[in-house]
Amino acid sequence: MQDSSAFQYLTIDQIAESTTNPRRSFDEAKLQELAESIRQHGLIQPIVVRPKNNRFEIVAGARRYRGCLLAEKFSVPSHIVELTDAQAIEWQLVELSTVGKSFLCRHAARYVVYI
């Protein structure tokens, strides 16, 4: 895994959500609150992305990305890392578990076993 250590701003159209993100539901009211916070203060924590198919795939931060879309941001602070598919899924599971969704994380871990 290669780590670029610093973040850079990527335009919204360069970023794609991951099809392997174990988080499937997003509370619309909470997204609106996040978007308002982003409008007022900016995005405090960059998202994590990896290069994929001439774009960047979100590894961690899909909710923050969606908040930026709702806040009509042109670009998103992003930390770019080189990860394999298996590493990306592992990072996504860690991200999910850190936001208090441990039940969903355990359920998603079963999915990884079958890959």
PDB file of N, CA and C in Angstrom:
ATOM      1  N   MET A   1       0.837  -1.172   0.000  1.00  0.00           N
ATOM      2  CA  MET A   1       0.000   0.000   0.000  1.00  0.00           C
ATOM      3  C   MET A   1       0.881   1.233   0.000  1.00  0.00           C
ATOM      4  N   GLN A   2       0.607   2.135  -0.903  1.00  0.00           N
ATOM      5  CA  GLN A   2       1.327   3.399  -0.963  1.00  0.00           C
ATOM      6  C   GLN A   2       0.444   4.484  -0.383  1.00  0.00           C
ATOM      7  N   ASP A   3       1.035   5.355   0.411  1.00  0.00           N
ATOM      8  CA  ASP A   3       0.288   6.382   1.121  1.00  0.00           C
ATOM      9  C   ASP A   3       0.820   7.739   0.700  1.00  0.00           C
ATOM     10  N   SER A   4      -0.047   8.612   0.235  1.00  0.00           N
ATOM     11  CA  SER A   4       0.400   9.940  -0.193  1.00  0.00           C
ATOM     12  C   SER A   4       0.495  10.915   0.971  1.00  0.00           C
ATOM     13  N   SER A   5       0.154  10.524   2.173  1.00  0.00           N
ATOM     14  CA  SER A   5       0.228  11.242   3.446  1.00  0.00           C
ATOM     15  C   SER A   5      -0.521  12.571   3.497  1.00  0.00           C
ATOM     16  N   ALA A   6      -0.420  13.399   2.512  1.00  0.00           N
ATOM     17  CA  ALA A   6      -1.166  14.658   2.508  1.00  0.00           C
ATOM     18  C   ALA A   6      -2.444  14.467   1.698  1.00  0.00           C
ATOM     19  N   PHE A   7      -3.379  15.369   1.884  1.00  0.00           N
ATOM     20  CA  PHE A   7      -4.590  15.263   1.082  1.00  0.00           C
ATOM     21  C   PHE A   7      -4.546  16.291  -0.047  1.00  0.00           C
ATOM     22  N   GLN A   8      -5.398  16.073  -1.028  1.00  0.00           N
ATOM     23  CA  GLN A   8      -5.554  17.043  -2.100  1.00  0.00           C
ATOM     24  C   GLN A   8      -7.037  17.159  -2.428  1.00  0.00           C
ATOM     25  N   TYR A   9      -7.385  18.233  -3.083  1.00  0.00           N
ATOM     26  CA  TYR A   9      -8.778  18.448  -3.460  1.00  0.00           C
ATOM     27  C   TYR A   9      -9.039  17.787  -4.809  1.00  0.00           C
ATOM     28  N   LEU A  10     -10.071  16.950  -4.846  1.00  0.00           N
ATOM     29  CA  LEU A  10     -10.505  16.317  -6.088  1.00  0.00           C
ATOM     30  C   LEU A  10     -11.875  16.871  -6.447  1.00  0.00           C
ATOM     31  N   THR A  11     -12.089  17.103  -7.724  1.00  0.00           N
ATOM     32  CA  THR A  11     -13.404  17.575  -8.137  1.00  0.00           C
ATOM     33  C   THR A  11     -14.424  16.451  -7.966  1.00  0.00           C
ATOM     34  N   ILE A  12     -15.642  16.845  -7.675  1.00  0.00           N
ATOM     35  CA  ILE A  12     -16.728  15.894  -7.432  1.00  0.00           C
ATOM     36  C   ILE A  12     -16.852  14.877  -8.563  1.00  0.00           C
ATOM     37  N   ASP A  13     -16.689  15.328  -9.806  1.00  0.00           N
ATOM     38  CA  ASP A  13     -16.879  14.416 -10.937  1.00  0.00           C
ATOM     39  C   ASP A  13     -15.747  13.411 -11.112  1.00  0.00           C
ATOM     40  N   GLN A  14     -14.672  13.534 -10.342  1.00  0.00           N
ATOM     41  CA  GLN A  14     -13.574  12.566 -10.385  1.00  0.00           C
ATOM     42  C   GLN A  14     -13.795  11.418  -9.404  1.00  0.00           C
ATOM     43  N   ILE A  15     -14.810  11.521  -8.561  1.00  0.00           N
ATOM     44  CA  ILE A  15     -15.006  10.596  -7.455  1.00  0.00           C
ATOM     45  C   ILE A  15     -16.246   9.742  -7.705  1.00  0.00           C
ATOM     46  N   ALA A  16     -16.117   8.444  -7.396  1.00  0.00           N
ATOM     47  CA  ALA A  16     -17.245   7.522  -7.523  1.00  0.00           C
ATOM     48  C   ALA A  16     -17.408   6.747  -6.221  1.00  0.00           C
ATOM     49  N   GLU A  17     -18.646   6.462  -5.867  1.00  0.00           N
ATOM     50  CA  GLU A  17     -18.888   5.632  -4.688  1.00  0.00           C
ATOM     51  C   GLU A  17     -18.527   4.188  -5.000  1.00  0.00           C
ATOM     52  N   SER A  18     -18.150   3.467  -3.983  1.00  0.00           N
ATOM     53  CA  SER A  18     -17.749   2.069  -4.127  1.00  0.00           C
ATOM     54  C   SER A  18     -18.966   1.156  -4.101  1.00  0.00           C
ATOM     55  N   THR A  19     -18.950   0.162  -4.959  1.00  0.00           N
ATOM     56  CA  THR A  19     -20.030  -0.831  -4.957  1.00  0.00           C
ATOM     57  C   THR A  19     -19.878  -1.820  -3.809  1.00  0.00           C
ATOM     58  N   THR A  20     -18.705  -1.849  -3.175  1.00  0.00           N
ATOM     59  CA  THR A  20     -18.468  -2.788  -2.076  1.00  0.00           C
ATOM     60  C   THR A  20     -18.653  -2.147  -0.702  1.00  0.00           C
ATOM     61  N   ASN A  21     -19.076  -0.899  -0.657  1.00  0.00           N
ATOM     62  CA  ASN A  21     -19.281  -0.242   0.634  1.00  0.00           C
ATOM     63  C   ASN A  21     -20.365  -0.998   1.405  1.00  0.00           C
ATOM     64  N   PRO A  22     -20.024  -1.517   2.599  1.00  0.00           N
ATOM     65  CA  PRO A  22     -21.025  -2.270   3.357  1.00  0.00           C
ATOM     66  C   PRO A  22     -22.154  -1.405   3.917  1.00  0.00           C
ATOM     67  N   ARG A  23     -21.953  -0.096   3.974  1.00  0.00           N
ATOM     68  CA  ARG A  23     -23.018   0.791   4.449  1.00  0.00           C
ATOM     69  C   ARG A  23     -24.014   0.994   3.312  1.00  0.00           C
ATOM     70  N   ARG A  24     -25.255   0.591   3.546  1.00  0.00           N
ATOM     71  CA  ARG A  24     -26.278   0.644   2.507  1.00  0.00           C
ATOM     72  C   ARG A  24     -27.339   1.708   2.737  1.00  0.00           C
ATOM     73  N   SER A  25     -27.482   2.175   3.968  1.00  0.00           N
ATOM     74  CA  SER A  25     -28.524   3.163   4.224  1.00  0.00           C
ATOM     75  C   SER A  25     -27.922   4.432   4.816  1.00  0.00           C
ATOM     76  N   PHE A  26     -28.484   5.540   4.402  1.00  0.00           N
ATOM     77  CA  PHE A  26     -28.046   6.858   4.857  1.00  0.00           C
ATOM     78  C   PHE A  26     -29.282   7.632   5.279  1.00  0.00           C
ATOM     79  N   ASP A  27     -29.303   8.090   6.513  1.00  0.00           N
ATOM     80  CA  ASP A  27     -30.420   8.861   7.041  1.00  0.00           C
ATOM     81  C   ASP A  27     -30.438  10.226   6.346  1.00  0.00           C
ATOM     82  N   GLU A  28     -31.498  10.484   5.608  1.00  0.00           N
ATOM     83  CA  GLU A  28     -31.599  11.716   4.814  1.00  0.00           C
ATOM     84  C   GLU A  28     -31.540  12.973   5.683  1.00  0.00           C
ATOM     85  N   ALA A  29     -32.193  12.958   6.826  1.00  0.00           N
ATOM     86  CA  ALA A  29     -32.171  14.122   7.718  1.00  0.00           C
ATOM     87  C   ALA A  29     -30.751  14.382   8.228  1.00  0.00           C
ATOM     88  N   LYS A  30     -30.041  13.312   8.581  1.00  0.00           N
ATOM     89  CA  LYS A  30     -28.659  13.459   9.057  1.00  0.00           C
ATOM     90  C   LYS A  30     -27.751  13.947   7.935  1.00  0.00           C
ATOM     91  N   LEU A  31     -27.999  13.509   6.710  1.00  0.00           N
ATOM     92  CA  LEU A  31     -27.212  14.005   5.566  1.00  0.00           C
ATOM     93  C   LEU A  31     -27.448  15.495   5.353  1.00  0.00           C
ATOM     94  N   GLN A  32     -28.687  15.926   5.522  1.00  0.00           N
ATOM     95  CA  GLN A  32     -28.989  17.357   5.378  1.00  0.00           C
ATOM     96  C   GLN A  32     -28.269  18.163   6.459  1.00  0.00           C
ATOM     97  N   GLU A  33     -28.241  17.639   7.687  1.00  0.00           N
ATOM     98  CA  GLU A  33     -27.510  18.300   8.773  1.00  0.00           C
ATOM     99  C   GLU A  33     -26.020  18.381   8.447  1.00  0.00           C
ATOM    100  N   LEU A  34     -25.475  17.289   7.943  1.00  0.00           N
ATOM    101  CA  LEU A  34     -24.061  17.267   7.567  1.00  0.00           C
ATOM    102  C   LEU A  34     -23.789  18.279   6.457  1.00  0.00           C
ATOM    103  N   ALA A  35     -24.661  18.335   5.465  1.00  0.00           N
ATOM    104  CA  ALA A  35     -24.480  19.278   4.359  1.00  0.00           C
ATOM    105  C   ALA A  35     -24.475  20.718   4.873  1.00  0.00           C
ATOM    106  N   GLU A  36     -25.360  21.021   5.808  1.00  0.00           N
ATOM    107  CA  GLU A  36     -25.390  22.373   6.376  1.00  0.00           C
ATOM    108  C   GLU A  36     -24.097  22.673   7.127  1.00  0.00           C
ATOM    109  N   SER A  37     -23.602  21.695   7.870  1.00  0.00           N
ATOM    110  CA  SER A  37     -22.329  21.868   8.578  1.00  0.00           C
ATOM    111  C   SER A  37     -21.184  22.094   7.591  1.00  0.00           C
ATOM    112  N   ILE A  38     -21.189  21.344   6.496  1.00  0.00           N
ATOM    113  CA  ILE A  38     -20.144  21.498   5.474  1.00  0.00           C
ATOM    114  C   ILE A  38     -20.231  22.877   4.832  1.00  0.00           C
ATOM    115  N   ARG A  39     -21.446  23.368   4.602  1.00  0.00           N
ATOM    116  CA  ARG A  39     -21.603  24.718   4.042  1.00  0.00           C
ATOM    117  C   ARG A  39     -21.003  25.769   4.977  1.00  0.00           C
ATOM    118  N   GLN A  40     -21.225  25.588   6.277  1.00  0.00           N
ATOM    119  CA  GLN A  40     -20.759  26.573   7.258  1.00  0.00           C
ATOM    120  C   GLN A  40     -19.274  26.457   7.584  1.00  0.00           C
ATOM    121  N   HIS A  41     -18.788  25.217   7.719  1.00  0.00           N
ATOM    122  CA  HIS A  41     -17.427  25.018   8.233  1.00  0.00           C
ATOM    123  C   HIS A  41     -16.481  24.313   7.271  1.00  0.00           C
ATOM    124  N   GLY A  42     -17.003  23.806   6.167  1.00  0.00           N
ATOM    125  CA  GLY A  42     -16.186  22.999   5.269  1.00  0.00           C
ATOM    126  C   GLY A  42     -16.136  21.564   5.772  1.00  0.00           C
ATOM    127  N   LEU A  43     -15.477  20.724   5.017  1.00  0.00           N
ATOM    128  CA  LEU A  43     -15.327  19.325   5.409  1.00  0.00           C
ATOM    129  C   LEU A  43     -14.077  19.213   6.263  1.00  0.00           C
ATOM    130  N   ILE A  44     -14.244  18.833   7.512  1.00  0.00           N
ATOM    131  CA  ILE A  44     -13.141  18.810   8.470  1.00  0.00           C
ATOM    132  C   ILE A  44     -12.227  17.617   8.245  1.00  0.00           C
ATOM    133  N   GLN A  45     -12.786  16.460   7.934  1.00  0.00           N
ATOM    134  CA  GLN A  45     -11.992  15.251   7.736  1.00  0.00           C
ATOM    135  C   GLN A  45     -12.066  14.830   6.269  1.00  0.00           C
ATOM    136  N   PRO A  46     -10.930  14.747   5.582  1.00  0.00           N
ATOM    137  CA  PRO A  46     -10.949  14.326   4.173  1.00  0.00           C
ATOM    138  C   PRO A  46     -11.491  12.908   4.010  1.00  0.00           C
ATOM    139  N   ILE A  47     -12.041  12.621   2.843  1.00  0.00           N
ATOM    140  CA  ILE A  47     -12.442  11.258   2.529  1.00  0.00           C
ATOM    141  C   ILE A  47     -11.189  10.499   2.096  1.00  0.00           C
ATOM    142  N   VAL A  48     -11.289   9.177   2.053  1.00  0.00           N
ATOM    143  CA  VAL A  48     -10.182   8.341   1.585  1.00  0.00           C
ATOM    144  C   VAL A  48     -10.619   7.713   0.272  1.00  0.00           C
ATOM    145  N   VAL A  49      -9.781   7.849  -0.757  1.00  0.00           N
ATOM    146  CA  VAL A  49     -10.098   7.309  -2.069  1.00  0.00           C
ATOM    147  C   VAL A  49      -8.904   6.511  -2.596  1.00  0.00           C
ATOM    148  N   ARG A  50      -9.183   5.694  -3.605  1.00  0.00           N
ATOM    149  CA  ARG A  50      -8.108   4.981  -4.295  1.00  0.00           C
ATOM    150  C   ARG A  50      -8.316   5.149  -5.791  1.00  0.00           C
ATOM    151  N   PRO A  51      -7.227   5.191  -6.555  1.00  0.00           N
ATOM    152  CA  PRO A  51      -7.369   5.281  -8.005  1.00  0.00           C
ATOM    153  C   PRO A  51      -8.033   4.014  -8.551  1.00  0.00           C
ATOM    154  N   LYS A  52      -9.000   4.203  -9.444  1.00  0.00           N
ATOM    155  CA  LYS A  52      -9.665   3.057 -10.067  1.00  0.00           C
ATOM    156  C   LYS A  52     -10.354   3.519 -11.345  1.00  0.00           C
ATOM    157  N   ASN A  53      -9.996   2.884 -12.455  1.00  0.00           N
ATOM    158  CA  ASN A  53     -10.629   3.152 -13.757  1.00  0.00           C
ATOM    159  C   ASN A  53     -10.610   4.634 -14.132  1.00  0.00           C
ATOM    160  N   ASN A  54      -9.471   5.260 -14.041  1.00  0.00           N
ATOM    161  CA  ASN A  54      -9.282   6.674 -14.406  1.00  0.00           C
ATOM    162  C   ASN A  54     -10.095   7.637 -13.547  1.00  0.00           C
ATOM    163  N   ARG A  55     -10.558   7.173 -12.408  1.00  0.00           N
ATOM    164  CA  ARG A  55     -11.270   8.006 -11.444  1.00  0.00           C
ATOM    165  C   ARG A  55     -10.760   7.653 -10.061  1.00  0.00           C
ATOM    166  N   PHE A  56     -11.481   8.081  -9.054  1.00  0.00           N
ATOM    167  CA  PHE A  56     -11.138   7.738  -7.679  1.00  0.00           C
ATOM    168  C   PHE A  56     -12.355   7.134  -7.011  1.00  0.00           C
ATOM    169  N   GLU A  57     -12.174   5.964  -6.403  1.00  0.00           N
ATOM    170  CA  GLU A  57     -13.248   5.253  -5.722  1.00  0.00           C
ATOM    171  C   GLU A  57     -13.163   5.534  -4.224  1.00  0.00           C
ATOM    172  N   ILE A  58     -14.296   5.814  -3.618  1.00  0.00           N
ATOM    173  CA  ILE A  58     -14.325   6.094  -2.180  1.00  0.00           C
ATOM    174  C   ILE A  58     -14.077   4.807  -1.399  1.00  0.00           C
ATOM    175  N   VAL A  59     -13.096   4.879  -0.512  1.00  0.00           N
ATOM    176  CA  VAL A  59     -12.808   3.775   0.404  1.00  0.00           C
ATOM    177  C   VAL A  59     -13.450   4.064   1.757  1.00  0.00           C
ATOM    178  N   ALA A  60     -13.328   5.279   2.212  1.00  0.00           N
ATOM    179  CA  ALA A  60     -13.918   5.696   3.486  1.00  0.00           C
ATOM    180  C   ALA A  60     -14.425   7.127   3.339  1.00  0.00           C
ATOM    181  N   GLY A  61     -15.669   7.353   3.737  1.00  0.00           N
ATOM    182  CA  GLY A  61     -16.206   8.707   3.696  1.00  0.00           C
ATOM    183  C   GLY A  61     -17.371   8.907   2.747  1.00  0.00           C
ATOM    184  N   ALA A  62     -18.103   7.839   2.445  1.00  0.00           N
ATOM    185  CA  ALA A  62     -19.237   7.981   1.523  1.00  0.00           C
ATOM    186  C   ALA A  62     -20.271   8.972   2.056  1.00  0.00           C
ATOM    187  N   ARG A  63     -20.488   8.953   3.351  1.00  0.00           N
ATOM    188  CA  ARG A  63     -21.454   9.893   3.949  1.00  0.00           C
ATOM    189  C   ARG A  63     -20.960  11.332   3.813  1.00  0.00           C
ATOM    190  N   ARG A  64     -19.685  11.546   4.062  1.00  0.00           N
ATOM    191  CA  ARG A  64     -19.116  12.891   3.902  1.00  0.00           C
ATOM    192  C   ARG A  64     -19.188  13.337   2.443  1.00  0.00           C
ATOM    193  N   TYR A  65     -18.933  12.413   1.528  1.00  0.00           N
ATOM    194  CA  TYR A  65     -19.032  12.706   0.095  1.00  0.00           C
ATOM    195  C   TYR A  65     -20.461  13.125  -0.271  1.00  0.00           C
ATOM    196  N   ARG A  66     -21.439  12.371   0.212  1.00  0.00           N
ATOM    197  CA  ARG A  66     -22.837  12.704  -0.064  1.00  0.00           C
ATOM    198  C   ARG A  66     -23.215  14.054   0.543  1.00  0.00           C
ATOM    199  N   GLY A  67     -22.652  14.345   1.712  1.00  0.00           N
ATOM    200  CA  GLY A  67     -22.875  15.657   2.319  1.00  0.00           C
ATOM    201  C   GLY A  67     -22.317  16.772   1.451  1.00  0.00           C
ATOM    202  N   CYS A  68     -21.152  16.542   0.866  1.00  0.00           N
ATOM    203  CA  CYS A  68     -20.557  17.540  -0.035  1.00  0.00           C
ATOM    204  C   CYS A  68     -21.403  17.727  -1.285  1.00  0.00           C
ATOM    205  N   LEU A  69     -21.966  16.636  -1.802  1.00  0.00           N
ATOM    206  CA  LEU A  69     -22.867  16.744  -2.958  1.00  0.00           C
ATOM    207  C   LEU A  69     -24.069  17.618  -2.616  1.00  0.00           C
ATOM    208  N   LEU A  70     -24.687  17.361  -1.462  1.00  0.00           N
ATOM    209  CA  LEU A  70     -25.847  18.143  -1.048  1.00  0.00           C
ATOM    210  C   LEU A  70     -25.489  19.601  -0.772  1.00  0.00           C
ATOM    211  N   ALA A  71     -24.268  19.824  -0.301  1.00  0.00           N
ATOM    212  CA  ALA A  71     -23.805  21.191  -0.029  1.00  0.00           C
ATOM    213  C   ALA A  71     -23.341  21.890  -1.301  1.00  0.00           C
ATOM    214  N   GLU A  72     -23.412  21.177  -2.428  1.00  0.00           N
ATOM    215  CA  GLU A  72     -23.040  21.695  -3.750  1.00  0.00           C
ATOM    216  C   GLU A  72     -21.586  22.159  -3.802  1.00  0.00           C
ATOM    217  N   LYS A  73     -20.714  21.346  -3.202  1.00  0.00           N
ATOM    218  CA  LYS A  73     -19.282  21.637  -3.250  1.00  0.00           C
ATOM    219  C   LYS A  73     -18.721  21.210  -4.598  1.00  0.00           C
ATOM    220  N   PHE A  74     -17.777  21.962  -5.102  1.00  0.00           N
ATOM    221  CA  PHE A  74     -17.131  21.661  -6.378  1.00  0.00           C
ATOM    222  C   PHE A  74     -16.061  20.596  -6.208  1.00  0.00           C
ATOM    223  N   SER A  75     -15.396  20.616  -5.045  1.00  0.00           N
ATOM    224  CA  SER A  75     -14.311  19.668  -4.798  1.00  0.00           C
ATOM    225  C   SER A  75     -14.374  19.159  -3.362  1.00  0.00           C
ATOM    226  N   VAL A  76     -13.663  18.047  -3.135  1.00  0.00           N
ATOM    227  CA  VAL A  76     -13.685  17.382  -1.834  1.00  0.00           C
ATOM    228  C   VAL A  76     -12.245  17.103  -1.408  1.00  0.00           C
ATOM    229  N   PRO A  77     -11.863  17.476  -0.168  1.00  0.00           N
ATOM    230  CA  PRO A  77     -10.537  17.102   0.303  1.00  0.00           C
ATOM    231  C   PRO A  77     -10.444  15.578   0.401  1.00  0.00           C
ATOM    232  N   SER A  78      -9.421  15.021  -0.225  1.00  0.00           N
ATOM    233  CA  SER A  78      -9.318  13.566  -0.344  1.00  0.00           C
ATOM    234  C   SER A  78      -7.905  13.094  -0.054  1.00  0.00           C
ATOM    235  N   HIS A  79      -7.836  12.005   0.663  1.00  0.00           N
ATOM    236  CA  HIS A  79      -6.561  11.337   0.948  1.00  0.00           C
ATOM    237  C   HIS A  79      -6.492  10.160  -0.025  1.00  0.00           C
ATOM    238  N   ILE A  80      -5.496  10.141  -0.893  1.00  0.00           N
ATOM    239  CA  ILE A  80      -5.394   9.114  -1.934  1.00  0.00           C
ATOM    240  C   ILE A  80      -4.443   8.016  -1.475  1.00  0.00           C
ATOM    241  N   VAL A  81      -4.922   6.765  -1.525  1.00  0.00           N
ATOM    242  CA  VAL A  81      -4.110   5.609  -1.150  1.00  0.00           C
ATOM    243  C   VAL A  81      -4.207   4.547  -2.243  1.00  0.00           C
ATOM    244  N   GLU A  82      -3.156   3.765  -2.368  1.00  0.00           N
ATOM    245  CA  GLU A  82      -3.139   2.636  -3.299  1.00  0.00           C
ATOM    246  C   GLU A  82      -3.530   1.394  -2.510  1.00  0.00           C
ATOM    247  N   LEU A  83      -4.653   0.781  -2.872  1.00  0.00           N
ATOM    248  CA  LEU A  83      -5.138  -0.403  -2.169  1.00  0.00           C
ATOM    249  C   LEU A  83      -5.614  -1.447  -3.166  1.00  0.00           C
ATOM    250  N   THR A  84      -5.448  -2.713  -2.804  1.00  0.00           N
ATOM    251  CA  THR A  84      -6.054  -3.786  -3.582  1.00  0.00           C
ATOM    252  C   THR A  84      -7.546  -3.813  -3.263  1.00  0.00           C
ATOM    253  N   ASP A  85      -8.295  -4.612  -4.007  1.00  0.00           N
ATOM    254  CA  ASP A  85      -9.727  -4.740  -3.718  1.00  0.00           C
ATOM    255  C   ASP A  85      -9.948  -5.257  -2.301  1.00  0.00           C
ATOM    256  N   ALA A  86      -9.187  -6.273  -1.896  1.00  0.00           N
ATOM    257  CA  ALA A  86      -9.341  -6.847  -0.558  1.00  0.00           C
ATOM    258  C   ALA A  86      -9.000  -5.817   0.519  1.00  0.00           C
ATOM    259  N   GLN A  87      -7.951  -5.051   0.308  1.00  0.00           N
ATOM    260  CA  GLN A  87      -7.582  -4.016   1.282  1.00  0.00           C
ATOM    261  C   GLN A  87      -8.658  -2.941   1.362  1.00  0.00           C
ATOM    262  N   ALA A  88      -9.233  -2.567   0.225  1.00  0.00           N
ATOM    263  CA  ALA A  88     -10.284  -1.540   0.217  1.00  0.00           C
ATOM    264  C   ALA A  88     -11.487  -2.012   1.026  1.00  0.00           C
ATOM    265  N   ILE A  89     -11.876  -3.264   0.858  1.00  0.00           N
ATOM    266  CA  ILE A  89     -13.006  -3.794   1.621  1.00  0.00           C
ATOM    267  C   ILE A  89     -12.678  -3.809   3.106  1.00  0.00           C
ATOM    268  N   GLU A  90     -11.456  -4.186   3.439  1.00  0.00           N
ATOM    269  CA  GLU A  90     -11.048  -4.183   4.852  1.00  0.00           C
ATOM    270  C   GLU A  90     -11.153  -2.772   5.431  1.00  0.00           C
ATOM    271  N   TRP A  91     -10.656  -1.781   4.711  1.00  0.00           N
ATOM    272  CA  TRP A  91     -10.738  -0.389   5.173  1.00  0.00           C
ATOM    273  C   TRP A  91     -12.197   0.032   5.345  1.00  0.00           C
ATOM    274  N   GLN A  92     -13.059  -0.381   4.413  1.00  0.00           N
ATOM    275  CA  GLN A  92     -14.473  -0.022   4.499  1.00  0.00           C
ATOM    276  C   GLN A  92     -15.111  -0.628   5.741  1.00  0.00           C
ATOM    277  N   LEU A  93     -14.750  -1.852   6.062  1.00  0.00           N
ATOM    278  CA  LEU A  93     -15.287  -2.488   7.265  1.00  0.00           C
ATOM    279  C   LEU A  93     -14.797  -1.792   8.523  1.00  0.00           C
ATOM    280  N   VAL A  94     -13.543  -1.394   8.542  1.00  0.00           N
ATOM    281  CA  VAL A  94     -13.003  -0.663   9.688  1.00  0.00           C
ATOM    282  C   VAL A  94     -13.723   0.672   9.829  1.00  0.00           C
ATOM    283  N   GLU A  95     -13.910   1.366   8.725  1.00  0.00           N
ATOM    284  CA  GLU A  95     -14.623   2.645   8.741  1.00  0.00           C
ATOM    285  C   GLU A  95     -16.033   2.464   9.297  1.00  0.00           C
ATOM    286  N   LEU A  96     -16.720   1.439   8.837  1.00  0.00           N
ATOM    287  CA  LEU A  96     -18.079   1.189   9.298  1.00  0.00           C
ATOM    288  C   LEU A  96     -18.106   0.892  10.790  1.00  0.00           C
ATOM    289  N   SER A  97     -17.141   0.128  11.259  1.00  0.00           N
ATOM    290  CA  SER A  97     -17.132  -0.222  12.685  1.00  0.00           C
ATOM    291  C   SER A  97     -16.809   0.977  13.558  1.00  0.00           C
ATOM    292  N   THR A  98     -16.065   1.940  13.051  1.00  0.00           N
ATOM    293  CA  THR A  98     -15.710   3.111  13.856  1.00  0.00           C
ATOM    294  C   THR A  98     -16.844   4.103  13.980  1.00  0.00           C
ATOM    295  N   VAL A  99     -17.867   3.985  13.154  1.00  0.00           N
ATOM    296  CA  VAL A  99     -19.002   4.889  13.269  1.00  0.00           C
ATOM    297  C   VAL A  99     -20.157   4.250  14.032  1.00  0.00           C
ATOM    298  N   GLY A 100     -19.829   3.184  14.786  1.00  0.00           N
ATOM    299  CA  GLY A 100     -20.818   2.589  15.677  1.00  0.00           C
ATOM    300  C   GLY A 100     -21.783   1.629  15.040  1.00  0.00           C
ATOM    301  N   LYS A 101     -21.427   1.068  13.929  1.00  0.00           N
ATOM    302  CA  LYS A 101     -22.314   0.132  13.245  1.00  0.00           C
ATOM    303  C   LYS A 101     -21.746  -1.284  13.335  1.00  0.00           C
ATOM    304  N   SER A 102     -21.373  -1.712  14.514  1.00  0.00           N
ATOM    305  CA  SER A 102     -20.680  -2.991  14.659  1.00  0.00           C
ATOM    306  C   SER A 102     -21.531  -4.173  14.192  1.00  0.00           C
ATOM    307  N   PHE A 103     -22.842  -4.130  14.388  1.00  0.00           N
ATOM    308  CA  PHE A 103     -23.676  -5.215  13.902  1.00  0.00           C
ATOM    309  C   PHE A 103     -23.585  -5.332  12.388  1.00  0.00           C
ATOM    310  N   LEU A 104     -23.712  -4.216  11.710  1.00  0.00           N
ATOM    311  CA  LEU A 104     -23.601  -4.234  10.255  1.00  0.00           C
ATOM    312  C   LEU A 104     -22.208  -4.656   9.818  1.00  0.00           C
ATOM    313  N   CYS A 105     -21.202  -4.264  10.583  1.00  0.00           N
ATOM    314  CA  CYS A 105     -19.835  -4.631  10.249  1.00  0.00           C
ATOM    315  C   CYS A 105     -19.668  -6.147  10.313  1.00  0.00           C
ATOM    316  N   ARG A 106     -20.201  -6.771  11.342  1.00  0.00           N
ATOM    317  CA  ARG A 106     -20.101  -8.230  11.452  1.00  0.00           C
ATOM    318  C   ARG A 106     -20.838  -8.898  10.293  1.00  0.00           C
ATOM    319  N   HIS A 107     -21.990  -8.342   9.929  1.00  0.00           N
ATOM    320  CA  HIS A 107     -22.751  -8.887   8.803  1.00  0.00           C
ATOM    321  C   HIS A 107     -21.945  -8.733   7.510  1.00  0.00           C
ATOM    322  N   ALA A 108     -21.343  -7.586   7.315  1.00  0.00           N
ATOM    323  CA  ALA A 108     -20.549  -7.340   6.109  1.00  0.00           C
ATOM    324  C   ALA A 108     -19.307  -8.218   6.087  1.00  0.00           C
ATOM    325  N   ALA A 109     -18.755  -8.540   7.250  1.00  0.00           N
ATOM    326  CA  ALA A 109     -17.572  -9.390   7.305  1.00  0.00           C
ATOM    327  C   ALA A 109     -17.861 -10.761   6.704  1.00  0.00           C
ATOM    328  N   ARG A 110     -19.089 -11.232   6.849  1.00  0.00           N
ATOM    329  CA  ARG A 110     -19.461 -12.506   6.223  1.00  0.00           C
ATOM    330  C   ARG A 110     -19.338 -12.410   4.715  1.00  0.00           C
ATOM    331  N   TYR A 111     -19.643 -11.246   4.170  1.00  0.00           N
ATOM    332  CA  TYR A 111     -19.536 -11.032   2.733  1.00  0.00           C
ATOM    333  C   TYR A 111     -18.082 -11.174   2.284  1.00  0.00           C
ATOM    334  N   VAL A 112     -17.162 -10.653   3.069  1.00  0.00           N
ATOM    335  CA  VAL A 112     -15.740 -10.711   2.729  1.00  0.00           C
ATOM    336  C   VAL A 112     -15.267 -12.162   2.670  1.00  0.00           C
ATOM    337  N   VAL A 113     -15.753 -12.996   3.567  1.00  0.00           N
ATOM    338  CA  VAL A 113     -15.346 -14.394   3.599  1.00  0.00           C
ATOM    339  C   VAL A 113     -15.655 -15.072   2.262  1.00  0.00           C
ATOM    340  N   TYR A 114     -16.729 -14.680   1.617  1.00  0.00           N
ATOM    341  CA  TYR A 114     -17.130 -15.311   0.362  1.00  0.00           C
ATOM    342  C   TYR A 114     -16.402 -14.767  -0.856  1.00  0.00           C
ATOM    343  N   ILE A 115     -15.663 -13.682  -0.707  1.00  0.00           N
ATOM    344  CA  ILE A 115     -14.954 -13.093  -1.855  1.00  0.00           C
ATOM    345  C   ILE A 115     -13.715 -13.863  -2.186  1.00  0.00           C
TER     346      ILE A 115
END
